[in-house]
Amino acid sequence: SMLNFETVKYYGAEEYEVKAYKDAIIEYQHEEFKTQVSLAILNTV
């Protein structure tokens, strides 16, 4: 998105890019949650 900054501006796609980035963060945090929960289980055992 940053490398194509001009193209984003040309098409007024800032909100689209922000949403796409937010979706990518949510996907990462979803997997991160599973990792952290499984870590808590291991520490308890």
All heavy atoms as atom14 arrays in JSON, in Angstrom:
{
  "sequence": "SMLNFETVKYYGAEEYEVKAYKDAIIEYQHEEFKTQVSLAILNTV",
  "atom14_mask": [
    [1, 1, 1, 1, 1, 1, 0, 0, 0, 0, 0, 0, 0, 0],
    [1, 1, 1, 1, 1, 1, 1, 1, 0, 0, 0, 0, 0, 0],
    [1, 1, 1, 1, 1, 1, 1, 1, 0, 0, 0, 0, 0, 0],
    [1, 1, 1, 1, 1, 1, 1, 1, 0, 0, 0, 0, 0, 0],
    [1, 1, 1, 1, 1, 1, 1, 1, 1, 1, 1, 0, 0, 0],
    [1, 1, 1, 1, 1, 1, 1, 1, 1, 0, 0, 0, 0, 0],
    [1, 1, 1, 1, 1, 1, 1, 0, 0, 0, 0, 0, 0, 0],
    [1, 1, 1, 1, 1, 1, 1, 0, 0, 0, 0, 0, 0, 0],
    [1, 1, 1, 1, 1, 1, 1, 1, 1, 0, 0, 0, 0, 0],
    [1, 1, 1, 1, 1, 1, 1, 1, 1, 1, 1, 1, 0, 0],
    [1, 1, 1, 1, 1, 1, 1, 1, 1, 1, 1, 1, 0, 0],
    [1, 1, 1, 1, 0, 0, 0, 0, 0, 0, 0, 0, 0, 0],
    [1, 1, 1, 1, 1, 0, 0, 0, 0, 0, 0, 0, 0, 0],
    [1, 1, 1, 1, 1, 1, 1, 1, 1, 0, 0, 0, 0, 0],
    [1, 1, 1, 1, 1, 1, 1, 1, 1, 0, 0, 0, 0, 0],
    [1, 1, 1, 1, 1, 1, 1, 1, 1, 1, 1, 1, 0, 0],
    [1, 1, 1, 1, 1, 1, 1, 1, 1, 0, 0, 0, 0, 0],
    [1, 1, 1, 1, 1, 1, 1, 0, 0, 0, 0, 0, 0, 0],
    [1, 1, 1, 1, 1, 1, 1, 1, 1, 0, 0, 0, 0, 0],
    [1, 1, 1, 1, 1, 0, 0, 0, 0, 0, 0, 0, 0, 0],
    [1, 1, 1, 1, 1, 1, 1, 1, 1, 1, 1, 1, 0, 0],
    [1, 1, 1, 1, 1, 1, 1, 1, 1, 0, 0, 0, 0, 0],
    [1, 1, 1, 1, 1, 1, 1, 1, 0, 0, 0, 0, 0, 0],
    [1, 1, 1, 1, 1, 0, 0, 0, 0, 0, 0, 0, 0, 0],
    [1, 1, 1, 1, 1, 1, 1, 1, 0, 0, 0, 0, 0, 0],
    [1, 1, 1, 1, 1, 1, 1, 1, 0, 0, 0, 0, 0, 0],
    [1, 1, 1, 1, 1, 1, 1, 1, 1, 0, 0, 0, 0, 0],
    [1, 1, 1, 1, 1, 1, 1, 1, 1, 1, 1, 1, 0, 0],
    [1, 1, 1, 1, 1, 1, 1, 1, 1, 0, 0, 0, 0, 0],
    [1, 1, 1, 1, 1, 1, 1, 1, 1, 1, 0, 0, 0, 0],
    [1, 1, 1, 1, 1, 1, 1, 1, 1, 0, 0, 0, 0, 0],
    [1, 1, 1, 1, 1, 1, 1, 1, 1, 0, 0, 0, 0, 0],
    [1, 1, 1, 1, 1, 1, 1, 1, 1, 1, 1, 0, 0, 0],
    [1, 1, 1, 1, 1, 1, 1, 1, 1, 0, 0, 0, 0, 0],
    [1, 1, 1, 1, 1, 1, 1, 0, 0, 0, 0, 0, 0, 0],
    [1, 1, 1, 1, 1, 1, 1, 1, 1, 0, 0, 0, 0, 0],
    [1, 1, 1, 1, 1, 1, 1, 0, 0, 0, 0, 0, 0, 0],
    [1, 1, 1, 1, 1, 1, 0, 0, 0, 0, 0, 0, 0, 0],
    [1, 1, 1, 1, 1, 1, 1, 1, 0, 0, 0, 0, 0, 0],
    [1, 1, 1, 1, 1, 0, 0, 0, 0, 0, 0, 0, 0, 0],
    [1, 1, 1, 1, 1, 1, 1, 1, 0, 0, 0, 0, 0, 0],
    [1, 1, 1, 1, 1, 1, 1, 1, 0, 0, 0, 0, 0, 0],
    [1, 1, 1, 1, 1, 1, 1, 1, 0, 0, 0, 0, 0, 0],
    [1, 1, 1, 1, 1, 1, 1, 0, 0, 0, 0, 0, 0, 0],
    [1, 1, 1, 1, 1, 1, 1, 0, 0, 0, 0, 0, 0, 0]
  ],
  "atom14_positions": [
    [[0.82, -1.2, 0.0], [0.0, 0.0, 0.0], [0.86, 1.26, 0.0], [0.59, 2.22, -0.72], [-0.93, -0.01, 1.22], [-1.78, 1.12, 1.21], [0.0, 0.0, 0.0], [0.0, 0.0, 0.0], [0.0, 0.0, 0.0], [0.0, 0.0, 0.0], [0.0, 0.0, 0.0], [0.0, 0.0, 0.0], [0.0, 0.0, 0.0], [0.0, 0.0, 0.0]],
    [[1.94, 1.24, 0.8], [2.82, 2.41, 0.86], [3.58, 2.63, -0.44], [3.76, 3.76, -0.9], [3.81, 2.26, 2.01], [3.2, 2.37, 3.4], [2.48, 4.0, 3.75], [0.73, 3.67, 3.52], [0.0, 0.0, 0.0], [0.0, 0.0, 0.0], [0.0, 0.0, 0.0], [0.0, 0.0, 0.0], [0.0, 0.0, 0.0], [0.0, 0.0, 0.0]],
    [[4.0, 1.54, -1.08], [4.72, 1.66, -2.35], [3.83, 2.21, -3.45], [4.31, 2.82, -4.41], [5.29, 0.3, -2.77], [6.46, -0.23, -1.94], [6.86, -1.62, -2.42], [7.66, 0.71, -2.01], [0.0, 0.0, 0.0], [0.0, 0.0, 0.0], [0.0, 0.0, 0.0], [0.0, 0.0, 0.0], [0.0, 0.0, 0.0], [0.0, 0.0, 0.0]],
    [[2.53, 1.98, -3.34], [1.58, 2.46, -4.34], [0.76, 3.64, -3.8], [-0.43, 3.77, -4.09], [0.65, 1.32, -4.77], [1.39, 0.25, -5.55], [1.66, 0.38, -6.73], [1.73, -0.83, -4.86], [0.0, 0.0, 0.0], [0.0, 0.0, 0.0], [0.0, 0.0, 0.0], [0.0, 0.0, 0.0], [0.0, 0.0, 0.0], [0.0, 0.0, 0.0]],
    [[1.42, 4.48, -3.02], [0.75, 5.6, -2.37], [0.02, 6.49, -3.38], [-1.13, 6.88, -3.17], [1.79, 6.43, -1.6], [1.23, 7.66, -0.95], [0.57, 7.58, 0.26], [1.36, 8.91, -1.55], [0.06, 8.71, 0.87], [0.85, 10.05, -0.96], [0.2, 9.95, 0.26], [0.0, 0.0, 0.0], [0.0, 0.0, 0.0], [0.0, 0.0, 0.0]],
    [[0.67, 6.79, -4.51], [0.05, 7.66, -5.5], [-1.22, 7.05, -6.08], [-2.24, 7.73, -6.24], [1.05, 7.96, -6.62], [2.15, 8.93, -6.22], [3.06, 9.22, -7.4], [3.91, 8.35, -7.67], [2.94, 10.28, -8.02], [0.0, 0.0, 0.0], [0.0, 0.0, 0.0], [0.0, 0.0, 0.0], [0.0, 0.0, 0.0], [0.0, 0.0, 0.0]],
    [[-1.14, 5.76, -6.39], [-2.31, 5.1, -6.95], [-3.48, 5.12, -5.98], [-4.64, 5.33, -6.37], [-1.96, 3.64, -7.3], [-0.85, 3.63, -8.2], [-3.14, 2.94, -7.96], [0.0, 0.0, 0.0], [0.0, 0.0, 0.0], [0.0, 0.0, 0.0], [0.0, 0.0, 0.0], [0.0, 0.0, 0.0], [0.0, 0.0, 0.0], [0.0, 0.0, 0.0]],
    [[-3.18, 4.93, -4.7], [-4.23, 5.0, -3.68], [-4.91, 6.37, -3.7], [-6.14, 6.48, -3.65], [-3.64, 4.71, -2.28], [-4.7, 4.93, -1.2], [-3.11, 3.28, -2.2], [0.0, 0.0, 0.0], [0.0, 0.0, 0.0], [0.0, 0.0, 0.0], [0.0, 0.0, 0.0], [0.0, 0.0, 0.0], [0.0, 0.0, 0.0], [0.0, 0.0, 0.0]],
    [[-4.09, 7.41, -3.82], [-4.63, 8.77, -3.85], [-5.43, 9.03, -5.12], [-6.48, 9.68, -5.1], [-3.49, 9.79, -3.73], [-2.83, 9.81, -2.35], [-3.8, 10.27, -1.28], [-3.15, 10.35, 0.08], [-4.1, 10.71, 1.14], [0.0, 0.0, 0.0], [0.0, 0.0, 0.0], [0.0, 0.0, 0.0], [0.0, 0.0, 0.0], [0.0, 0.0, 0.0]],
    [[-4.91, 8.53, -6.25], [-5.61, 8.74, -7.52], [-7.05, 8.25, -7.47], [-7.96, 8.87, -8.01], [-4.88, 8.02, -8.66], [-3.55, 8.64, -9.05], [-2.53, 7.85, -9.59], [-3.31, 10.0, -8.88], [-1.31, 8.4, -9.94], [-2.09, 10.56, -9.24], [-1.09, 9.76, -9.77], [0.11, 10.3, -10.13], [0.0, 0.0, 0.0], [0.0, 0.0, 0.0]],
    [[-7.25, 7.12, -6.83], [-8.57, 6.48, -6.82], [-9.33, 6.69, -5.51], [-10.37, 6.08, -5.3], [-8.43, 4.99, -7.12], [-7.97, 4.73, -8.53], [-6.62, 4.56, -8.82], [-8.89, 4.7, -9.59], [-6.18, 4.34, -10.12], [-8.45, 4.48, -10.89], [-7.12, 4.31, -11.15], [-6.69, 4.1, -12.44], [0.0, 0.0, 0.0], [0.0, 0.0, 0.0]],
    [[-8.78, 7.57, -4.65], [-9.47, 7.84, -3.39], [-9.74, 6.59, -2.59], [-10.8, 6.44, -1.97], [0.0, 0.0, 0.0], [0.0, 0.0, 0.0], [0.0, 0.0, 0.0], [0.0, 0.0, 0.0], [0.0, 0.0, 0.0], [0.0, 0.0, 0.0], [0.0, 0.0, 0.0], [0.0, 0.0, 0.0], [0.0, 0.0, 0.0], [0.0, 0.0, 0.0]],
    [[-8.76, 5.67, -2.58], [-8.97, 4.35, -1.97], [-8.38, 4.24, -0.58], [-8.05, 3.15, -0.11], [-8.38, 3.27, -2.88], [0.0, 0.0, 0.0], [0.0, 0.0, 0.0], [0.0, 0.0, 0.0], [0.0, 0.0, 0.0], [0.0, 0.0, 0.0], [0.0, 0.0, 0.0], [0.0, 0.0, 0.0], [0.0, 0.0, 0.0], [0.0, 0.0, 0.0]],
    [[-8.23, 5.37, 0.11], [-7.63, 5.33, 1.43], [-8.41, 4.42, 2.39], [-7.82, 3.59, 3.09], [-7.55, 6.75, 2.03], [-6.58, 7.67, 1.31], [-7.23, 8.44, 0.19], [-8.36, 8.05, -0.22], [-6.64, 9.41, -0.28], [0.0, 0.0, 0.0], [0.0, 0.0, 0.0], [0.0, 0.0, 0.0], [0.0, 0.0, 0.0], [0.0, 0.0, 0.0]],
    [[-9.73, 4.59, 2.42], [-10.53, 3.79, 3.34], [-10.49, 2.3, 2.98], [-10.5, 1.43, 3.85], [-11.98, 4.29, 3.35], [-12.18, 5.59, 4.1], [-11.68, 5.5, 5.54], [-11.98, 4.48, 6.2], [-10.98, 6.42, 5.99], [0.0, 0.0, 0.0], [0.0, 0.0, 0.0], [0.0, 0.0, 0.0], [0.0, 0.0, 0.0], [0.0, 0.0, 0.0]],
    [[-10.45, 2.02, 1.68], [-10.35, 0.62, 1.24], [-9.03, 0.01, 1.74], [-9.01, -1.12, 2.23], [-10.41, 0.55, -0.28], [-10.15, -0.84, -0.83], [-11.15, -1.8, -0.86], [-8.88, -1.18, -1.31], [-10.89, -3.08, -1.34], [-8.63, -2.45, -1.79], [-9.63, -3.39, -1.81], [-9.38, -4.64, -2.29], [0.0, 0.0, 0.0], [0.0, 0.0, 0.0]],
    [[-7.94, 0.77, 1.61], [-6.64, 0.27, 2.05], [-6.61, 0.1, 3.57], [-6.07, -0.88, 4.08], [-5.54, 1.24, 1.61], [-5.27, 1.24, 0.12], [-4.74, -0.1, -0.36], [-3.88, -0.69, 0.33], [-5.2, -0.58, -1.41], [0.0, 0.0, 0.0], [0.0, 0.0, 0.0], [0.0, 0.0, 0.0], [0.0, 0.0, 0.0], [0.0, 0.0, 0.0]],
    [[-7.18, 1.07, 4.27], [-7.21, 0.97, 5.74], [-8.01, -0.25, 6.18], [-7.61, -0.99, 7.08], [-7.82, 2.25, 6.35], [-8.08, 2.07, 7.84], [-6.89, 3.44, 6.12], [0.0, 0.0, 0.0], [0.0, 0.0, 0.0], [0.0, 0.0, 0.0], [0.0, 0.0, 0.0], [0.0, 0.0, 0.0], [0.0, 0.0, 0.0], [0.0, 0.0, 0.0]],
    [[-9.14, -0.49, 5.51], [-9.97, -1.65, 5.85], [-9.23, -2.96, 5.55], [-9.28, -3.91, 6.34], [-11.29, -1.61, 5.09], [-12.24, -2.74, 5.47], [-13.54, -2.67, 4.69], [-14.49, -3.79, 5.15], [-13.91, -5.13, 5.0], [0.0, 0.0, 0.0], [0.0, 0.0, 0.0], [0.0, 0.0, 0.0], [0.0, 0.0, 0.0], [0.0, 0.0, 0.0]],
    [[-8.56, -2.99, 4.4], [-7.81, -4.2, 4.04], [-6.7, -4.46, 5.05], [-6.46, -5.61, 5.45], [-7.23, -4.05, 2.63], [0.0, 0.0, 0.0], [0.0, 0.0, 0.0], [0.0, 0.0, 0.0], [0.0, 0.0, 0.0], [0.0, 0.0, 0.0], [0.0, 0.0, 0.0], [0.0, 0.0, 0.0], [0.0, 0.0, 0.0], [0.0, 0.0, 0.0]],
    [[-6.03, -3.38, 5.47], [-4.96, -3.54, 6.47], [-5.54, -3.98, 7.82], [-4.97, -4.82, 8.51], [-4.2, -2.23, 6.61], [-3.01, -2.3, 7.53], [-2.02, -3.27, 7.36], [-2.87, -1.41, 8.59], [-0.93, -3.34, 8.21], [-1.78, -1.47, 9.45], [-0.81, -2.44, 9.24], [0.27, -2.52, 10.09], [0.0, 0.0, 0.0], [0.0, 0.0, 0.0]],
    [[-6.69, -3.4, 8.18], [-7.34, -3.79, 9.43], [-7.74, -5.26, 9.4], [-7.59, -5.98, 10.39], [-8.57, -2.91, 9.66], [-9.32, -3.22, 10.96], [-10.53, -2.33, 11.14], [-11.28, -2.67, 12.42], [-12.48, -1.82, 12.6], [0.0, 0.0, 0.0], [0.0, 0.0, 0.0], [0.0, 0.0, 0.0], [0.0, 0.0, 0.0], [0.0, 0.0, 0.0]],
    [[-8.27, -5.72, 8.25], [-8.64, -7.13, 8.11], [-7.42, -8.02, 8.29], [-7.49, -9.09, 8.92], [-9.26, -7.38, 6.73], [-10.65, -6.78, 6.62], [-11.26, -6.48, 7.67], [-11.13, -6.6, 5.48], [0.0, 0.0, 0.0], [0.0, 0.0, 0.0], [0.0, 0.0, 0.0], [0.0, 0.0, 0.0], [0.0, 0.0, 0.0], [0.0, 0.0, 0.0]],
    [[-6.27, -7.57, 7.74], [-5.03, -8.36, 7.88], [-4.6, -8.41, 9.34], [-4.13, -9.45, 9.83], [-3.93, -7.76, 7.01], [0.0, 0.0, 0.0], [0.0, 0.0, 0.0], [0.0, 0.0, 0.0], [0.0, 0.0, 0.0], [0.0, 0.0, 0.0], [0.0, 0.0, 0.0], [0.0, 0.0, 0.0], [0.0, 0.0, 0.0], [0.0, 0.0, 0.0]],
    [[-4.76, -7.28, 10.06], [-4.4, -7.26, 11.49], [-5.33, -8.17, 12.28], [-4.88, -8.92, 13.16], [-4.48, -5.82, 12.03], [-3.41, -4.94, 11.39], [-4.32, -5.81, 13.55], [-3.49, -3.49, 11.79], [0.0, 0.0, 0.0], [0.0, 0.0, 0.0], [0.0, 0.0, 0.0], [0.0, 0.0, 0.0], [0.0, 0.0, 0.0], [0.0, 0.0, 0.0]],
    [[-6.63, -8.12, 11.97], [-7.6, -8.98, 12.69], [-7.28, -10.45, 12.46], [-7.33, -11.27, 13.39], [-9.03, -8.65, 12.23], [-9.44, -7.25, 12.71], [-10.02, -9.7, 12.74], [-10.77, -6.78, 12.18], [0.0, 0.0, 0.0], [0.0, 0.0, 0.0], [0.0, 0.0, 0.0], [0.0, 0.0, 0.0], [0.0, 0.0, 0.0], [0.0, 0.0, 0.0]],
    [[-6.93, -10.8, 11.24], [-6.55, -12.18, 10.94], [-5.33, -12.59, 11.74], [-5.26, -13.69, 12.31], [-6.28, -12.34, 9.44], [-5.93, -13.77, 9.04], [-5.63, -13.88, 7.56], [-5.81, -12.88, 6.82], [-5.24, -14.98, 7.12], [0.0, 0.0, 0.0], [0.0, 0.0, 0.0], [0.0, 0.0, 0.0], [0.0, 0.0, 0.0], [0.0, 0.0, 0.0]],
    [[-4.34, -11.68, 11.82], [-3.13, -11.97, 12.59], [-3.46, -12.13, 14.08], [-2.99, -13.07, 14.74], [-2.11, -10.84, 12.4], [-0.94, -10.91, 13.35], [0.08, -11.84, 13.16], [-0.87, -10.07, 14.46], [1.15, -11.91, 14.04], [0.18, -10.14, 15.35], [1.19, -11.06, 15.14], [2.23, -11.15, 16.02], [0.0, 0.0, 0.0], [0.0, 0.0, 0.0]],
    [[-4.28, -11.22, 14.6], [-4.61, -11.28, 16.02], [-5.44, -12.51, 16.36], [-5.34, -13.05, 17.47], [-5.35, -10.0, 16.43], [-4.47, -8.76, 16.42], [-5.21, -7.51, 16.81], [-6.43, -7.42, 16.66], [-4.48, -6.51, 17.3], [0.0, 0.0, 0.0], [0.0, 0.0, 0.0], [0.0, 0.0, 0.0], [0.0, 0.0, 0.0], [0.0, 0.0, 0.0]],
    [[-6.24, -12.98, 15.41], [-7.0, -14.21, 15.62], [-6.05, -15.39, 15.83], [-6.26, -16.21, 16.74], [-7.91, -14.46, 14.41], [-8.7, -15.72, 14.49], [-9.73, -15.93, 15.4], [-8.61, -16.88, 13.76], [-10.22, -17.13, 15.24], [-9.57, -17.73, 14.26], [0.0, 0.0, 0.0], [0.0, 0.0, 0.0], [0.0, 0.0, 0.0], [0.0, 0.0, 0.0]],
    [[-5.03, -15.47, 14.99], [-4.05, -16.55, 15.13], [-3.17, -16.31, 16.36], [-2.77, -17.27, 17.04], [-3.18, -16.64, 13.88], [-3.94, -16.92, 12.6], [-4.73, -18.23, 12.66], [-4.33, -19.12, 13.43], [-5.73, -18.34, 11.93], [0.0, 0.0, 0.0], [0.0, 0.0, 0.0], [0.0, 0.0, 0.0], [0.0, 0.0, 0.0], [0.0, 0.0, 0.0]],
    [[-2.87, -15.05, 16.66], [-2.07, -14.73, 17.84], [-2.81, -15.15, 19.12], [-2.19, -15.63, 20.08], [-1.78, -13.23, 17.87], [-0.9, -12.79, 19.04], [-0.76, -11.29, 19.1], [-1.76, -10.59, 18.8], [0.32, -10.81, 19.47], [0.0, 0.0, 0.0], [0.0, 0.0, 0.0], [0.0, 0.0, 0.0], [0.0, 0.0, 0.0], [0.0, 0.0, 0.0]],
    [[-4.14, -14.97, 19.14], [-4.93, -15.36, 20.31], [-4.79, -16.86, 20.58], [-4.6, -17.28, 21.73], [-6.4, -15.0, 20.07], [-7.34, -15.47, 21.15], [-7.43, -14.78, 22.35], [-8.12, -16.6, 20.96], [-8.3, -15.22, 23.35], [-8.97, -17.05, 21.95], [-9.06, -16.36, 23.15], [0.0, 0.0, 0.0], [0.0, 0.0, 0.0], [0.0, 0.0, 0.0]],
    [[-4.89, -17.67, 19.53], [-4.73, -19.12, 19.7], [-3.35, -19.46, 20.25], [-3.2, -20.34, 21.11], [-4.96, -19.83, 18.36], [-6.36, -19.68, 17.8], [-6.45, -20.4, 16.46], [-7.84, -20.22, 15.83], [-7.92, -20.86, 14.5], [0.0, 0.0, 0.0], [0.0, 0.0, 0.0], [0.0, 0.0, 0.0], [0.0, 0.0, 0.0], [0.0, 0.0, 0.0]],
    [[-2.34, -18.76, 19.75], [-0.98, -19.01, 20.21], [-0.83, -18.68, 21.69], [-0.22, -19.43, 22.46], [0.02, -18.17, 19.38], [-0.13, -18.48, 18.0], [1.45, -18.45, 19.8], [0.0, 0.0, 0.0], [0.0, 0.0, 0.0], [0.0, 0.0, 0.0], [0.0, 0.0, 0.0], [0.0, 0.0, 0.0], [0.0, 0.0, 0.0], [0.0, 0.0, 0.0]],
    [[-1.4, -17.53, 22.1], [-1.27, -17.12, 23.49], [-2.06, -18.03, 24.44], [-1.61, -18.33, 25.55], [-1.76, -15.67, 23.64], [-0.91, -14.65, 22.9], [0.52, -14.61, 23.4], [0.77, -14.82, 24.58], [1.46, -14.32, 22.51], [0.0, 0.0, 0.0], [0.0, 0.0, 0.0], [0.0, 0.0, 0.0], [0.0, 0.0, 0.0], [0.0, 0.0, 0.0]],
    [[-3.26, -18.46, 24.03], [-4.07, -19.35, 24.86], [-3.36, -20.69, 25.05], [-3.3, -21.23, 26.17], [-5.47, -19.56, 24.25], [-6.21, -20.68, 24.96], [-6.28, -18.28, 24.32], [0.0, 0.0, 0.0], [0.0, 0.0, 0.0], [0.0, 0.0, 0.0], [0.0, 0.0, 0.0], [0.0, 0.0, 0.0], [0.0, 0.0, 0.0], [0.0, 0.0, 0.0]],
    [[-2.82, -21.23, 23.97], [-2.1, -22.51, 24.08], [-0.86, -22.36, 24.95], [-0.46, -23.3, 25.65], [-1.72, -23.03, 22.68], [-0.87, -22.12, 22.01], [0.0, 0.0, 0.0], [0.0, 0.0, 0.0], [0.0, 0.0, 0.0], [0.0, 0.0, 0.0], [0.0, 0.0, 0.0], [0.0, 0.0, 0.0], [0.0, 0.0, 0.0], [0.0, 0.0, 0.0]],
    [[-0.24, -21.17, 24.93], [0.92, -20.92, 25.8], [0.49, -20.93, 27.27], [1.19, -21.48, 28.13], [1.55, -19.57, 25.44], [2.69, -19.09, 26.35], [3.84, -20.09, 26.34], [3.17, -17.71, 25.91], [0.0, 0.0, 0.0], [0.0, 0.0, 0.0], [0.0, 0.0, 0.0], [0.0, 0.0, 0.0], [0.0, 0.0, 0.0], [0.0, 0.0, 0.0]],
    [[-0.65, -20.33, 27.54], [-1.15, -20.31, 28.92], [-1.42, -21.73, 29.41], [-1.16, -22.06, 30.58], [-2.42, -19.46, 29.0], [0.0, 0.0, 0.0], [0.0, 0.0, 0.0], [0.0, 0.0, 0.0], [0.0, 0.0, 0.0], [0.0, 0.0, 0.0], [0.0, 0.0, 0.0], [0.0, 0.0, 0.0], [0.0, 0.0, 0.0], [0.0, 0.0, 0.0]],
    [[-1.97, -22.58, 28.55], [-2.23, -23.98, 28.92], [-0.92, -24.68, 29.26], [-0.82, -25.41, 30.26], [-2.95, -24.71, 27.77], [-4.36, -24.12, 27.58], [-3.02, -26.21, 28.04], [-5.08, -24.66, 26.36], [0.0, 0.0, 0.0], [0.0, 0.0, 0.0], [0.0, 0.0, 0.0], [0.0, 0.0, 0.0], [0.0, 0.0, 0.0], [0.0, 0.0, 0.0]],
    [[0.1, -24.46, 28.44], [1.4, -25.08, 28.68], [1.99, -24.62, 30.01], [2.48, -25.45, 30.8], [2.35, -24.74, 27.52], [3.8, -25.21, 27.67], [3.86, -26.73, 27.81], [4.64, -24.74, 26.49], [0.0, 0.0, 0.0], [0.0, 0.0, 0.0], [0.0, 0.0, 0.0], [0.0, 0.0, 0.0], [0.0, 0.0, 0.0], [0.0, 0.0, 0.0]],
    [[1.95, -23.33, 30.26], [2.51, -22.8, 31.52], [1.8, -23.37, 32.74], [2.43, -23.68, 33.76], [2.42, -21.27, 31.54], [3.4, -20.62, 30.57], [4.41, -21.22, 30.21], [3.1, -19.4, 30.15], [0.0, 0.0, 0.0], [0.0, 0.0, 0.0], [0.0, 0.0, 0.0], [0.0, 0.0, 0.0], [0.0, 0.0, 0.0], [0.0, 0.0, 0.0]],
    [[0.49, -23.53, 32.65], [-0.29, -24.08, 33.77], [0.11, -25.53, 34.05], [0.32, -25.92, 35.21], [-1.79, -23.99, 33.47], [-2.15, -22.63, 33.24], [-2.61, -24.55, 34.63], [0.0, 0.0, 0.0], [0.0, 0.0, 0.0], [0.0, 0.0, 0.0], [0.0, 0.0, 0.0], [0.0, 0.0, 0.0], [0.0, 0.0, 0.0], [0.0, 0.0, 0.0]],
    [[0.22, -26.32, 33.0], [0.61, -27.74, 33.16], [2.0, -27.84, 33.77], [2.25, -28.64, 34.69], [0.56, -28.45, 31.8], [1.18, -29.85, 31.9], [-0.87, -28.55, 31.3], [0.0, 0.0, 0.0], [0.0, 0.0, 0.0], [0.0, 0.0, 0.0], [0.0, 0.0, 0.0], [0.0, 0.0, 0.0], [0.0, 0.0, 0.0], [0.0, 0.0, 0.0]]
  ]
}
